[in-house]
Amino acid sequence: MRDRGQAARALTLTLRFAGDTRWEKTRRLGEPSAHEDHLHTLAYQLMDAAGLQRGRLTGLTLRGEDLMDAGQVAQQISLDGVREDRLVAEGAVDQIRDKFGPHVIGPSATFRRAS
């Protein structure tokens, strides 16, 4: 979404199970956002709400809903320095990906050494 300059007001999780049954749930964000922390938190809340135990999951879709122009999203001042640092780092990561490609930076757990 950030690549397209959009922010979501809600996320919808759709789960498909064996036997063509579906489960769908939409949750709204407190404020429109395209920040990974906000979207991850809401996605995990949706997964928790699904209460998956031993269902035979055959498909999963997570979709941003009620999109808006990210330039129209109000930026709230936060007193949480750690959160602010993550948001600044997220912007720097976006700039690096724009300049060098999407696979040059990411979580260290996904890093593969060139042999």
PDB file of N, CA and C in Angstrom:
ATOM      1  N   MET A   1       0.811  -1.180   0.000  1.00  0.00           N
ATOM      2  CA  MET A   1       0.000   0.000   0.000  1.00  0.00           C
ATOM      3  C   MET A   1       0.861   1.253   0.000  1.00  0.00           C
ATOM      4  N   ARG A   2       1.946   1.219   0.772  1.00  0.00           N
ATOM      5  CA  ARG A   2       2.789   2.417   0.829  1.00  0.00           C
ATOM      6  C   ARG A   2       3.385   2.725  -0.529  1.00  0.00           C
ATOM      7  N   ASP A   3       3.700   1.677  -1.319  1.00  0.00           N
ATOM      8  CA  ASP A   3       4.239   1.902  -2.657  1.00  0.00           C
ATOM      9  C   ASP A   3       3.257   2.674  -3.530  1.00  0.00           C
ATOM     10  N   ARG A   4       1.974   2.447  -3.305  1.00  0.00           N
ATOM     11  CA  ARG A   4       0.943   3.116  -4.099  1.00  0.00           C
ATOM     12  C   ARG A   4       0.444   4.388  -3.439  1.00  0.00           C
ATOM     13  N   GLY A   5       1.023   4.755  -2.297  1.00  0.00           N
ATOM     14  CA  GLY A   5       0.599   5.970  -1.607  1.00  0.00           C
ATOM     15  C   GLY A   5      -0.797   5.864  -1.018  1.00  0.00           C
ATOM     16  N   GLN A   6      -1.132   4.668  -0.522  1.00  0.00           N
ATOM     17  CA  GLN A   6      -2.457   4.453   0.040  1.00  0.00           C
ATOM     18  C   GLN A   6      -2.366   4.043   1.503  1.00  0.00           C
ATOM     19  N   ALA A   7      -3.454   4.271   2.216  1.00  0.00           N
ATOM     20  CA  ALA A   7      -3.586   3.840   3.606  1.00  0.00           C
ATOM     21  C   ALA A   7      -4.939   3.149   3.744  1.00  0.00           C
ATOM     22  N   ALA A   8      -5.011   2.147   4.610  1.00  0.00           N
ATOM     23  CA  ALA A   8      -6.253   1.397   4.818  1.00  0.00           C
ATOM     24  C   ALA A   8      -6.955   1.881   6.075  1.00  0.00           C
ATOM     25  N   ARG A   9      -8.273   1.875   5.998  1.00  0.00           N
ATOM     26  CA  ARG A   9      -9.082   2.165   7.175  1.00  0.00           C
ATOM     27  C   ARG A   9      -9.531   0.875   7.854  1.00  0.00           C
ATOM     28  N   ALA A  10      -9.409  -0.266   7.118  1.00  0.00           N
ATOM     29  CA  ALA A  10      -9.853  -1.552   7.658  1.00  0.00           C
ATOM     30  C   ALA A  10      -9.100  -2.675   6.957  1.00  0.00           C
ATOM     31  N   LEU A  11      -9.086  -3.847   7.584  1.00  0.00           N
ATOM     32  CA  LEU A  11      -8.533  -5.062   6.985  1.00  0.00           C
ATOM     33  C   LEU A  11      -9.611  -6.135   7.011  1.00  0.00           C
ATOM     34  N   THR A  12      -9.632  -6.942   5.944  1.00  0.00           N
ATOM     35  CA  THR A  12     -10.548  -8.076   5.881  1.00  0.00           C
ATOM     36  C   THR A  12      -9.734  -9.348   5.721  1.00  0.00           C
ATOM     37  N   LEU A  13      -9.997 -10.308   6.579  1.00  0.00           N
ATOM     38  CA  LEU A  13      -9.366 -11.614   6.508  1.00  0.00           C
ATOM     39  C   LEU A  13     -10.409 -12.602   6.010  1.00  0.00           C
ATOM     40  N   THR A  14     -10.085 -13.321   4.946  1.00  0.00           N
ATOM     41  CA  THR A  14     -10.956 -14.366   4.417  1.00  0.00           C
ATOM     42  C   THR A  14     -10.210 -15.682   4.487  1.00  0.00           C
ATOM     43  N   LEU A  15     -10.813 -16.665   5.127  1.00  0.00           N
ATOM     44  CA  LEU A  15     -10.239 -18.002   5.234  1.00  0.00           C
ATOM     45  C   LEU A  15     -11.127 -18.964   4.462  1.00  0.00           C
ATOM     46  N   ARG A  16     -10.508 -19.846   3.686  1.00  0.00           N
ATOM     47  CA  ARG A  16     -11.232 -20.886   2.961  1.00  0.00           C
ATOM     48  C   ARG A  16     -10.810 -22.241   3.531  1.00  0.00           C
ATOM     49  N   PHE A  17     -11.795 -23.076   3.765  1.00  0.00           N
ATOM     50  CA  PHE A  17     -11.546 -24.386   4.343  1.00  0.00           C
ATOM     51  C   PHE A  17     -11.945 -25.477   3.354  1.00  0.00           C
ATOM     52  N   ALA A  18     -11.464 -26.686   3.605  1.00  0.00           N
ATOM     53  CA  ALA A  18     -11.871 -27.840   2.801  1.00  0.00           C
ATOM     54  C   ALA A  18     -13.395 -27.944   2.865  1.00  0.00           C
ATOM     55  N   GLY A  19     -14.000 -28.314   1.758  1.00  0.00           N
ATOM     56  CA  GLY A  19     -15.457 -28.401   1.715  1.00  0.00           C
ATOM     57  C   GLY A  19     -16.109 -27.095   1.284  1.00  0.00           C
ATOM     58  N   ASP A  20     -15.318 -26.159   0.781  1.00  0.00           N
ATOM     59  CA  ASP A  20     -15.809 -24.875   0.258  1.00  0.00           C
ATOM     60  C   ASP A  20     -16.495 -23.989   1.290  1.00  0.00           C
ATOM     61  N   THR A  21     -16.149 -24.125   2.553  1.00  0.00           N
ATOM     62  CA  THR A  21     -16.674 -23.198   3.551  1.00  0.00           C
ATOM     63  C   THR A  21     -15.723 -22.028   3.670  1.00  0.00           C
ATOM     64  N   ARG A  22     -16.296 -20.858   3.974  1.00  0.00           N
ATOM     65  CA  ARG A  22     -15.505 -19.629   4.099  1.00  0.00           C
ATOM     66  C   ARG A  22     -15.817 -18.934   5.412  1.00  0.00           C
ATOM     67  N   TRP A  23     -14.828 -18.216   5.908  1.00  0.00           N
ATOM     68  CA  TRP A  23     -14.990 -17.385   7.089  1.00  0.00           C
ATOM     69  C   TRP A  23     -14.384 -16.042   6.739  1.00  0.00           C
ATOM     70  N   GLU A  24     -15.144 -14.974   6.975  1.00  0.00           N
ATOM     71  CA  GLU A  24     -14.635 -13.644   6.635  1.00  0.00           C
ATOM     72  C   GLU A  24     -14.947 -12.693   7.780  1.00  0.00           C
ATOM     73  N   LYS A  25     -13.961 -11.873   8.099  1.00  0.00           N
ATOM     74  CA  LYS A  25     -14.106 -10.911   9.197  1.00  0.00           C
ATOM     75  C   LYS A  25     -13.387  -9.630   8.811  1.00  0.00           C
ATOM     76  N   THR A  26     -14.018  -8.496   9.045  1.00  0.00           N
ATOM     77  CA  THR A  26     -13.420  -7.185   8.782  1.00  0.00           C
ATOM     78  C   THR A  26     -13.301  -6.443  10.103  1.00  0.00           C
ATOM     79  N   ARG A  27     -12.156  -5.831  10.297  1.00  0.00           N
ATOM     80  CA  ARG A  27     -11.953  -4.975  11.472  1.00  0.00           C
ATOM     81  C   ARG A  27     -11.422  -3.631  11.000  1.00  0.00           C
ATOM     82  N   ARG A  28     -11.903  -2.590  11.628  1.00  0.00           N
ATOM     83  CA  ARG A  28     -11.471  -1.237  11.284  1.00  0.00           C
ATOM     84  C   ARG A  28     -10.293  -0.828  12.160  1.00  0.00           C
ATOM     85  N   LEU A  29      -9.396  -0.065  11.575  1.00  0.00           N
ATOM     86  CA  LEU A  29      -8.281   0.510  12.324  1.00  0.00           C
ATOM     87  C   LEU A  29      -8.781   1.728  13.085  1.00  0.00           C
ATOM     88  N   GLY A  30      -8.103   2.070  14.157  1.00  0.00           N
ATOM     89  CA  GLY A  30      -8.465   3.267  14.912  1.00  0.00           C
ATOM     90  C   GLY A  30      -8.331   4.529  14.073  1.00  0.00           C
ATOM     91  N   GLU A  31      -7.364   4.512  13.184  1.00  0.00           N
ATOM     92  CA  GLU A  31      -7.134   5.616  12.245  1.00  0.00           C
ATOM     93  C   GLU A  31      -6.520   5.007  10.987  1.00  0.00           C
ATOM     94  N   PRO A  32      -6.735   5.607   9.818  1.00  0.00           N
ATOM     95  CA  PRO A  32      -6.161   5.047   8.593  1.00  0.00           C
ATOM     96  C   PRO A  32      -4.646   4.908   8.709  1.00  0.00           C
ATOM     97  N   SER A  33      -4.098   3.804   8.180  1.00  0.00           N
ATOM     98  CA  SER A  33      -2.667   3.567   8.312  1.00  0.00           C
ATOM     99  C   SER A  33      -2.162   2.641   7.203  1.00  0.00           C
ATOM    100  N   ALA A  34      -0.894   2.816   6.865  1.00  0.00           N
ATOM    101  CA  ALA A  34      -0.195   1.889   5.976  1.00  0.00           C
ATOM    102  C   ALA A  34       1.055   1.376   6.673  1.00  0.00           C
ATOM    103  N   HIS A  35       1.186   1.648   7.968  1.00  0.00           N
ATOM    104  CA  HIS A  35       2.369   1.248   8.718  1.00  0.00           C
ATOM    105  C   HIS A  35       2.304  -0.228   9.084  1.00  0.00           C
ATOM    106  N   GLU A  36       3.432  -0.919   8.896  1.00  0.00           N
ATOM    107  CA  GLU A  36       3.495  -2.359   9.123  1.00  0.00           C
ATOM    108  C   GLU A  36       3.047  -2.749  10.525  1.00  0.00           C
ATOM    109  N   ASP A  37       3.480  -2.012  11.548  1.00  0.00           N
ATOM    110  CA  ASP A  37       3.114  -2.363  12.924  1.00  0.00           C
ATOM    111  C   ASP A  37       1.604  -2.377  13.110  1.00  0.00           C
ATOM    112  N   HIS A  38       0.925  -1.363  12.609  1.00  0.00           N
ATOM    113  CA  HIS A  38      -0.530  -1.272  12.767  1.00  0.00           C
ATOM    114  C   HIS A  38      -1.221  -2.410  12.020  1.00  0.00           C
ATOM    115  N   LEU A  39      -0.780  -2.663  10.791  1.00  0.00           N
ATOM    116  CA  LEU A  39      -1.413  -3.698   9.976  1.00  0.00           C
ATOM    117  C   LEU A  39      -1.130  -5.096  10.522  1.00  0.00           C
ATOM    118  N   HIS A  40       0.109  -5.340  10.992  1.00  0.00           N
ATOM    119  CA  HIS A  40       0.439  -6.643  11.582  1.00  0.00           C
ATOM    120  C   HIS A  40      -0.412  -6.905  12.817  1.00  0.00           C
ATOM    121  N   THR A  41      -0.523  -5.910  13.680  1.00  0.00           N
ATOM    122  CA  THR A  41      -1.293  -6.075  14.917  1.00  0.00           C
ATOM    123  C   THR A  41      -2.743  -6.428  14.606  1.00  0.00           C
ATOM    124  N   LEU A  42      -3.351  -5.700  13.668  1.00  0.00           N
ATOM    125  CA  LEU A  42      -4.738  -5.964  13.322  1.00  0.00           C
ATOM    126  C   LEU A  42      -4.892  -7.326  12.637  1.00  0.00           C
ATOM    127  N   ALA A  43      -3.938  -7.698  11.796  1.00  0.00           N
ATOM    128  CA  ALA A  43      -3.985  -9.010  11.135  1.00  0.00           C
ATOM    129  C   ALA A  43      -3.923 -10.138  12.172  1.00  0.00           C
ATOM    130  N   TYR A  44      -3.059 -10.005  13.164  1.00  0.00           N
ATOM    131  CA  TYR A  44      -2.982 -11.025  14.223  1.00  0.00           C
ATOM    132  C   TYR A  44      -4.273 -11.080  15.033  1.00  0.00           C
ATOM    133  N   GLN A  45      -4.891  -9.925  15.281  1.00  0.00           N
ATOM    134  CA  GLN A  45      -6.165  -9.911  16.000  1.00  0.00           C
ATOM    135  C   GLN A  45      -7.244 -10.643  15.201  1.00  0.00           C
ATOM    136  N   LEU A  46      -7.237 -10.440  13.876  1.00  0.00           N
ATOM    137  CA  LEU A  46      -8.194 -11.151  13.028  1.00  0.00           C
ATOM    138  C   LEU A  46      -7.953 -12.661  13.063  1.00  0.00           C
ATOM    139  N   MET A  47      -6.689 -13.070  13.014  1.00  0.00           N
ATOM    140  CA  MET A  47      -6.371 -14.498  13.073  1.00  0.00           C
ATOM    141  C   MET A  47      -6.800 -15.092  14.413  1.00  0.00           C
ATOM    142  N   ASP A  48      -6.572 -14.351  15.492  1.00  0.00           N
ATOM    143  CA  ASP A  48      -7.012 -14.818  16.810  1.00  0.00           C
ATOM    144  C   ASP A  48      -8.526 -14.962  16.856  1.00  0.00           C
ATOM    145  N   ALA A  49      -9.240 -14.010  16.246  1.00  0.00           N
ATOM    146  CA  ALA A  49     -10.702 -14.048  16.237  1.00  0.00           C
ATOM    147  C   ALA A  49     -11.220 -15.260  15.472  1.00  0.00           C
ATOM    148  N   ALA A  50     -10.443 -15.734  14.503  1.00  0.00           N
ATOM    149  CA  ALA A  50     -10.857 -16.904  13.726  1.00  0.00           C
ATOM    150  C   ALA A  50     -10.855 -18.158  14.588  1.00  0.00           C
ATOM    151  N   GLY A  51     -10.050 -18.182  15.641  1.00  0.00           N
ATOM    152  CA  GLY A  51     -10.014 -19.319  16.552  1.00  0.00           C
ATOM    153  C   GLY A  51      -9.628 -20.622  15.868  1.00  0.00           C
ATOM    154  N   LEU A  52      -8.670 -20.558  14.968  1.00  0.00           N
ATOM    155  CA  LEU A  52      -8.258 -21.760  14.244  1.00  0.00           C
ATOM    156  C   LEU A  52      -7.688 -22.794  15.205  1.00  0.00           C
ATOM    157  N   GLN A  53      -8.148 -24.022  15.049  1.00  0.00           N
ATOM    158  CA  GLN A  53      -7.589 -25.106  15.825  1.00  0.00           C
ATOM    159  C   GLN A  53      -7.112 -26.200  14.892  1.00  0.00           C
ATOM    160  N   ARG A  54      -8.035 -26.982  14.391  1.00  0.00           N
ATOM    161  CA  ARG A  54      -7.626 -28.059  13.498  1.00  0.00           C
ATOM    162  C   ARG A  54      -8.370 -28.011  12.175  1.00  0.00           C
ATOM    163  N   GLY A  55      -8.817 -26.830  11.820  1.00  0.00           N
ATOM    164  CA  GLY A  55      -9.521 -26.693  10.548  1.00  0.00           C
ATOM    165  C   GLY A  55      -8.590 -26.943   9.377  1.00  0.00           C
ATOM    166  N   ARG A  56      -9.133 -27.468   8.319  1.00  0.00           N
ATOM    167  CA  ARG A  56      -8.329 -27.743   7.131  1.00  0.00           C
ATOM    168  C   ARG A  56      -8.359 -26.501   6.245  1.00  0.00           C
ATOM    169  N   LEU A  57      -7.442 -25.619   6.506  1.00  0.00           N
ATOM    170  CA  LEU A  57      -7.348 -24.340   5.809  1.00  0.00           C
ATOM    171  C   LEU A  57      -6.779 -24.568   4.416  1.00  0.00           C
ATOM    172  N   THR A  58      -7.489 -24.077   3.395  1.00  0.00           N
ATOM    173  CA  THR A  58      -7.006 -24.223   2.023  1.00  0.00           C
ATOM    174  C   THR A  58      -6.659 -22.888   1.387  1.00  0.00           C
ATOM    175  N   GLY A  59      -7.045 -21.785   2.010  1.00  0.00           N
ATOM    176  CA  GLY A  59      -6.723 -20.476   1.452  1.00  0.00           C
ATOM    177  C   GLY A  59      -6.863 -19.384   2.486  1.00  0.00           C
ATOM    178  N   LEU A  60      -6.074 -18.342   2.317  1.00  0.00           N
ATOM    179  CA  LEU A  60      -6.074 -17.215   3.238  1.00  0.00           C
ATOM    180  C   LEU A  60      -5.863 -15.959   2.412  1.00  0.00           C
ATOM    181  N   THR A  61      -6.717 -14.947   2.619  1.00  0.00           N
ATOM    182  CA  THR A  61      -6.581 -13.668   1.932  1.00  0.00           C
ATOM    183  C   THR A  61      -6.690 -12.561   2.963  1.00  0.00           C
ATOM    184  N   LEU A  62      -5.762 -11.642   2.940  1.00  0.00           N
ATOM    185  CA  LEU A  62      -5.804 -10.460   3.795  1.00  0.00           C
ATOM    186  C   LEU A  62      -5.856  -9.258   2.872  1.00  0.00           C
ATOM    187  N   ARG A  63      -6.897  -8.461   3.013  1.00  0.00           N
ATOM    188  CA  ARG A  63      -7.127  -7.375   2.069  1.00  0.00           C
ATOM    189  C   ARG A  63      -7.329  -6.054   2.814  1.00  0.00           C
ATOM    190  N   GLY A  64      -6.643  -5.009   2.353  1.00  0.00           N
ATOM    191  CA  GLY A  64      -6.856  -3.663   2.871  1.00  0.00           C
ATOM    192  C   GLY A  64      -8.164  -3.126   2.323  1.00  0.00           C
ATOM    193  N   GLU A  65      -8.977  -2.552   3.174  1.00  0.00           N
ATOM    194  CA  GLU A  65     -10.296  -2.052   2.773  1.00  0.00           C
ATOM    195  C   GLU A  65     -10.384  -0.552   3.010  1.00  0.00           C
ATOM    196  N   ASP A  66     -11.332   0.044   2.311  1.00  0.00           N
ATOM    197  CA  ASP A  66     -11.635   1.465   2.492  1.00  0.00           C
ATOM    198  C   ASP A  66     -10.344   2.288   2.377  1.00  0.00           C
ATOM    199  N   LEU A  67      -9.647   2.099   1.252  1.00  0.00           N
ATOM    200  CA  LEU A  67      -8.355   2.752   1.034  1.00  0.00           C
ATOM    201  C   LEU A  67      -8.536   4.239   0.784  1.00  0.00           C
ATOM    202  N   MET A  68      -7.533   4.986   1.179  1.00  0.00           N
ATOM    203  CA  MET A  68      -7.528   6.426   0.945  1.00  0.00           C
ATOM    204  C   MET A  68      -6.111   6.874   0.610  1.00  0.00           C
ATOM    205  N   ASP A  69      -5.990   8.068   0.116  1.00  0.00           N
ATOM    206  CA  ASP A  69      -4.690   8.638  -0.212  1.00  0.00           C
ATOM    207  C   ASP A  69      -3.902   8.843   1.083  1.00  0.00           C
ATOM    208  N   ALA A  70      -2.695   8.287   1.134  1.00  0.00           N
ATOM    209  CA  ALA A  70      -1.878   8.371   2.353  1.00  0.00           C
ATOM    210  C   ALA A  70      -1.537   9.820   2.703  1.00  0.00           C
ATOM    211  N   GLY A  71      -1.492  10.683   1.718  1.00  0.00           N
ATOM    212  CA  GLY A  71      -1.220  12.096   1.986  1.00  0.00           C
ATOM    213  C   GLY A  71      -2.330  12.786   2.755  1.00  0.00           C
ATOM    214  N   GLN A  72      -3.519  12.189   2.788  1.00  0.00           N
ATOM    215  CA  GLN A  72      -4.659  12.759   3.502  1.00  0.00           C
ATOM    216  C   GLN A  72      -4.767  12.274   4.944  1.00  0.00           C
ATOM    217  N   VAL A  73      -3.895  11.329   5.329  1.00  0.00           N
ATOM    218  CA  VAL A  73      -3.945  10.765   6.680  1.00  0.00           C
ATOM    219  C   VAL A  73      -3.260  11.729   7.649  1.00  0.00           C
ATOM    220  N   ALA A  74      -3.957  12.066   8.710  1.00  0.00           N
ATOM    221  CA  ALA A  74      -3.379  12.934   9.736  1.00  0.00           C
ATOM    222  C   ALA A  74      -2.277  12.182  10.470  1.00  0.00           C
ATOM    223  N   GLN A  75      -1.185  12.864  10.777  1.00  0.00           N
ATOM    224  CA  GLN A  75      -0.107  12.250  11.536  1.00  0.00           C
ATOM    225  C   GLN A  75      -0.197  12.723  12.965  1.00  0.00           C
ATOM    226  N   GLN A  76      -0.428  11.760  13.844  1.00  0.00           N
ATOM    227  CA  GLN A  76      -0.575  12.064  15.256  1.00  0.00           C
ATOM    228  C   GLN A  76       0.787  12.067  15.930  1.00  0.00           C
ATOM    229  N   ILE A  77       1.022  13.052  16.753  1.00  0.00           N
ATOM    230  CA  ILE A  77       2.274  13.128  17.503  1.00  0.00           C
ATOM    231  C   ILE A  77       2.235  12.083  18.608  1.00  0.00           C
ATOM    232  N   SER A  78       3.313  11.318  18.712  1.00  0.00           N
ATOM    233  CA  SER A  78       3.384  10.264  19.710  1.00  0.00           C
ATOM    234  C   SER A  78       4.501  10.564  20.705  1.00  0.00           C
ATOM    235  N   LEU A  79       4.267  10.198  21.931  1.00  0.00           N
ATOM    236  CA  LEU A  79       5.301  10.336  22.952  1.00  0.00           C
ATOM    237  C   LEU A  79       6.076   9.037  23.129  1.00  0.00           C
ATOM    238  N   ASP A  80       5.771   8.046  22.306  1.00  0.00           N
ATOM    239  CA  ASP A  80       6.437   6.744  22.348  1.00  0.00           C
ATOM    240  C   ASP A  80       7.637   6.791  21.399  1.00  0.00           C
ATOM    241  N   GLY A  81       8.817   6.989  21.950  1.00  0.00           N
ATOM    242  CA  GLY A  81      10.029   7.107  21.142  1.00  0.00           C
ATOM    243  C   GLY A  81      10.341   5.866  20.334  1.00  0.00           C
ATOM    244  N   VAL A  82      10.086   4.689  20.893  1.00  0.00           N
ATOM    245  CA  VAL A  82      10.364   3.438  20.186  1.00  0.00           C
ATOM    246  C   VAL A  82       9.471   3.322  18.952  1.00  0.00           C
ATOM    247  N   ARG A  83       8.199   3.640  19.115  1.00  0.00           N
ATOM    248  CA  ARG A  83       7.263   3.600  17.982  1.00  0.00           C
ATOM    249  C   ARG A  83       7.687   4.583  16.909  1.00  0.00           C
ATOM    250  N   GLU A  84       8.042   5.772  17.302  1.00  0.00           N
ATOM    251  CA  GLU A  84       8.471   6.786  16.339  1.00  0.00           C
ATOM    252  C   GLU A  84       9.724   6.339  15.592  1.00  0.00           C
ATOM    253  N   ASP A  85      10.660   5.701  16.304  1.00  0.00           N
ATOM    254  CA  ASP A  85      11.870   5.195  15.657  1.00  0.00           C
ATOM    255  C   ASP A  85      11.535   4.142  14.606  1.00  0.00           C
ATOM    256  N   ARG A  86      10.572   3.263  14.918  1.00  0.00           N
ATOM    257  CA  ARG A  86      10.156   2.241  13.945  1.00  0.00           C
ATOM    258  C   ARG A  86       9.542   2.876  12.703  1.00  0.00           C
ATOM    259  N   LEU A  87       8.752   3.923  12.892  1.00  0.00           N
ATOM    260  CA  LEU A  87       8.123   4.590  11.748  1.00  0.00           C
ATOM    261  C   LEU A  87       9.158   5.294  10.873  1.00  0.00           C
ATOM    262  N   VAL A  88      10.164   5.889  11.493  1.00  0.00           N
ATOM    263  CA  VAL A  88      11.249   6.518  10.727  1.00  0.00           C
ATOM    264  C   VAL A  88      12.034   5.452   9.970  1.00  0.00           C
ATOM    265  N   ALA A  89      12.332   4.338  10.643  1.00  0.00           N
ATOM    266  CA  ALA A  89      13.071   3.246   9.993  1.00  0.00           C
ATOM    267  C   ALA A  89      12.261   2.673   8.835  1.00  0.00           C
ATOM    268  N   GLU A  90      10.947   2.578   8.995  1.00  0.00           N
ATOM    269  CA  GLU A  90      10.087   2.068   7.921  1.00  0.00           C
ATOM    270  C   GLU A  90      10.206   2.951   6.673  1.00  0.00           C
ATOM    271  N   GLY A  91      10.239   4.263   6.862  1.00  0.00           N
ATOM    272  CA  GLY A  91      10.412   5.176   5.736  1.00  0.00           C
ATOM    273  C   GLY A  91      11.765   5.009   5.070  1.00  0.00           C
ATOM    274  N   ALA A  92      12.814   4.806   5.868  1.00  0.00           N
ATOM    275  CA  ALA A  92      14.156   4.594   5.317  1.00  0.00           C
ATOM    276  C   ALA A  92      14.217   3.285   4.532  1.00  0.00           C
ATOM    277  N   VAL A  93      13.572   2.245   5.045  1.00  0.00           N
ATOM    278  CA  VAL A  93      13.529   0.957   4.352  1.00  0.00           C
ATOM    279  C   VAL A  93      12.821   1.113   3.005  1.00  0.00           C
ATOM    280  N   ASP A  94      11.727   1.862   2.986  1.00  0.00           N
ATOM    281  CA  ASP A  94      11.009   2.104   1.733  1.00  0.00           C
ATOM    282  C   ASP A  94      11.907   2.796   0.706  1.00  0.00           C
ATOM    283  N   GLN A  95      12.680   3.780   1.145  1.00  0.00           N
ATOM    284  CA  GLN A  95      13.577   4.495   0.228  1.00  0.00           C
ATOM    285  C   GLN A  95      14.656   3.569  -0.321  1.00  0.00           C
ATOM    286  N   ILE A  96      15.209   2.708   0.520  1.00  0.00           N
ATOM    287  CA  ILE A  96      16.231   1.748   0.068  1.00  0.00           C
ATOM    288  C   ILE A  96      15.636   0.780  -0.940  1.00  0.00           C
ATOM    289  N   ARG A  97      14.424   0.283  -0.662  1.00  0.00           N
ATOM    290  CA  ARG A  97      13.768  -0.637  -1.602  1.00  0.00           C
ATOM    291  C   ARG A  97      13.470   0.047  -2.930  1.00  0.00           C
ATOM    292  N   ASP A  98      13.053   1.306  -2.886  1.00  0.00           N
ATOM    293  CA  ASP A  98      12.785   2.048  -4.121  1.00  0.00           C
ATOM    294  C   ASP A  98      14.048   2.193  -4.959  1.00  0.00           C
ATOM    295  N   LYS A  99      15.163   2.426  -4.294  1.00  0.00           N
ATOM    296  CA  LYS A  99      16.417   2.692  -5.010  1.00  0.00           C
ATOM    297  C   LYS A  99      17.098   1.412  -5.498  1.00  0.00           C
ATOM    298  N   PHE A 100      17.107   0.363  -4.663  1.00  0.00           N
ATOM    299  CA  PHE A 100      17.907  -0.827  -4.973  1.00  0.00           C
ATOM    300  C   PHE A 100      17.091  -2.086  -5.256  1.00  0.00           C
ATOM    301  N   GLY A 101      15.788  -2.033  -5.088  1.00  0.00           N
ATOM    302  CA  GLY A 101      14.949  -3.199  -5.346  1.00  0.00           C
ATOM    303  C   GLY A 101      14.339  -3.757  -4.075  1.00  0.00           C
ATOM    304  N   PRO A 102      13.264  -4.532  -4.220  1.00  0.00           N
ATOM    305  CA  PRO A 102      12.506  -4.975  -3.045  1.00  0.00           C
ATOM    306  C   PRO A 102      13.199  -6.022  -2.183  1.00  0.00           C
ATOM    307  N   HIS A 103      14.236  -6.686  -2.709  1.00  0.00           N
ATOM    308  CA  HIS A 103      14.832  -7.798  -1.963  1.00  0.00           C
ATOM    309  C   HIS A 103      16.164  -7.455  -1.300  1.00  0.00           C
ATOM    310  N   VAL A 104      16.574  -6.199  -1.316  1.00  0.00           N
ATOM    311  CA  VAL A 104      17.882  -5.859  -0.752  1.00  0.00           C
ATOM    312  C   VAL A 104      17.850  -5.639   0.757  1.00  0.00           C
ATOM    313  N   ILE A 105      16.676  -5.457   1.317  1.00  0.00           N
ATOM    314  CA  ILE A 105      16.577  -5.220   2.755  1.00  0.00           C
ATOM    315  C   ILE A 105      15.321  -5.898   3.280  1.00  0.00           C
ATOM    316  N   GLY A 106      15.423  -6.452   4.480  1.00  0.00           N
ATOM    317  CA  GLY A 106      14.284  -7.132   5.094  1.00  0.00           C
ATOM    318  C   GLY A 106      14.695  -7.706   6.427  1.00  0.00           C
ATOM    319  N   PRO A 107      13.836  -8.514   7.023  1.00  0.00           N
ATOM    320  CA  PRO A 107      14.161  -9.123   8.311  1.00  0.00           C
ATOM    321  C   PRO A 107      15.409  -9.998   8.208  1.00  0.00           C
ATOM    322  N   SER A 108      16.231  -9.960   9.231  1.00  0.00           N
ATOM    323  CA  SER A 108      17.486 -10.718   9.189  1.00  0.00           C
ATOM    324  C   SER A 108      17.229 -12.226   9.112  1.00  0.00           C
ATOM    325  N   ALA A 109      16.086 -12.682   9.587  1.00  0.00           N
ATOM    326  CA  ALA A 109      15.793 -14.121   9.542  1.00  0.00           C
ATOM    327  C   ALA A 109      15.617 -14.627   8.111  1.00  0.00           C
ATOM    328  N   THR A 110      15.336 -13.733   7.187  1.00  0.00           N
ATOM    329  CA  THR A 110      15.138 -14.144   5.791  1.00  0.00           C
ATOM    330  C   THR A 110      16.390 -13.939   4.945  1.00  0.00           C
ATOM    331  N   PHE A 111      17.474 -13.447   5.550  1.00  0.00           N
ATOM    332  CA  PHE A 111      18.702 -13.174   4.815  1.00  0.00           C
ATOM    333  C   PHE A 111      19.359 -14.466   4.378  1.00  0.00           C
ATOM    334  N   ARG A 112      19.730 -14.535   3.102  1.00  0.00           N
ATOM    335  CA  ARG A 112      20.452 -15.698   2.572  1.00  0.00           C
ATOM    336  C   ARG A 112      21.812 -15.238   2.080  1.00  0.00           C
ATOM    337  N   ARG A 113      22.824 -15.951   2.501  1.00  0.00           N
ATOM    338  CA  ARG A 113      24.182 -15.622   2.071  1.00  0.00           C
ATOM    339  C   ARG A 113      24.410 -16.123   0.649  1.00  0.00           C
ATOM    340  N   ALA A 114      25.127 -15.324  -0.105  1.00  0.00           N
ATOM    341  CA  ALA A 114      25.504 -15.749  -1.455  1.00  0.00           C
ATOM    342  C   ALA A 114      26.680 -16.714  -1.319  1.00  0.00           C
ATOM    343  N   SER A 115      26.597 -17.829  -1.980  1.00  0.00           N
ATOM    344  CA  SER A 115      27.673 -18.835  -1.864  1.00  0.00           C
ATOM    345  C   SER A 115      28.683 -18.688  -2.966  1.00  0.00           C
TER     346      SER A 115
END
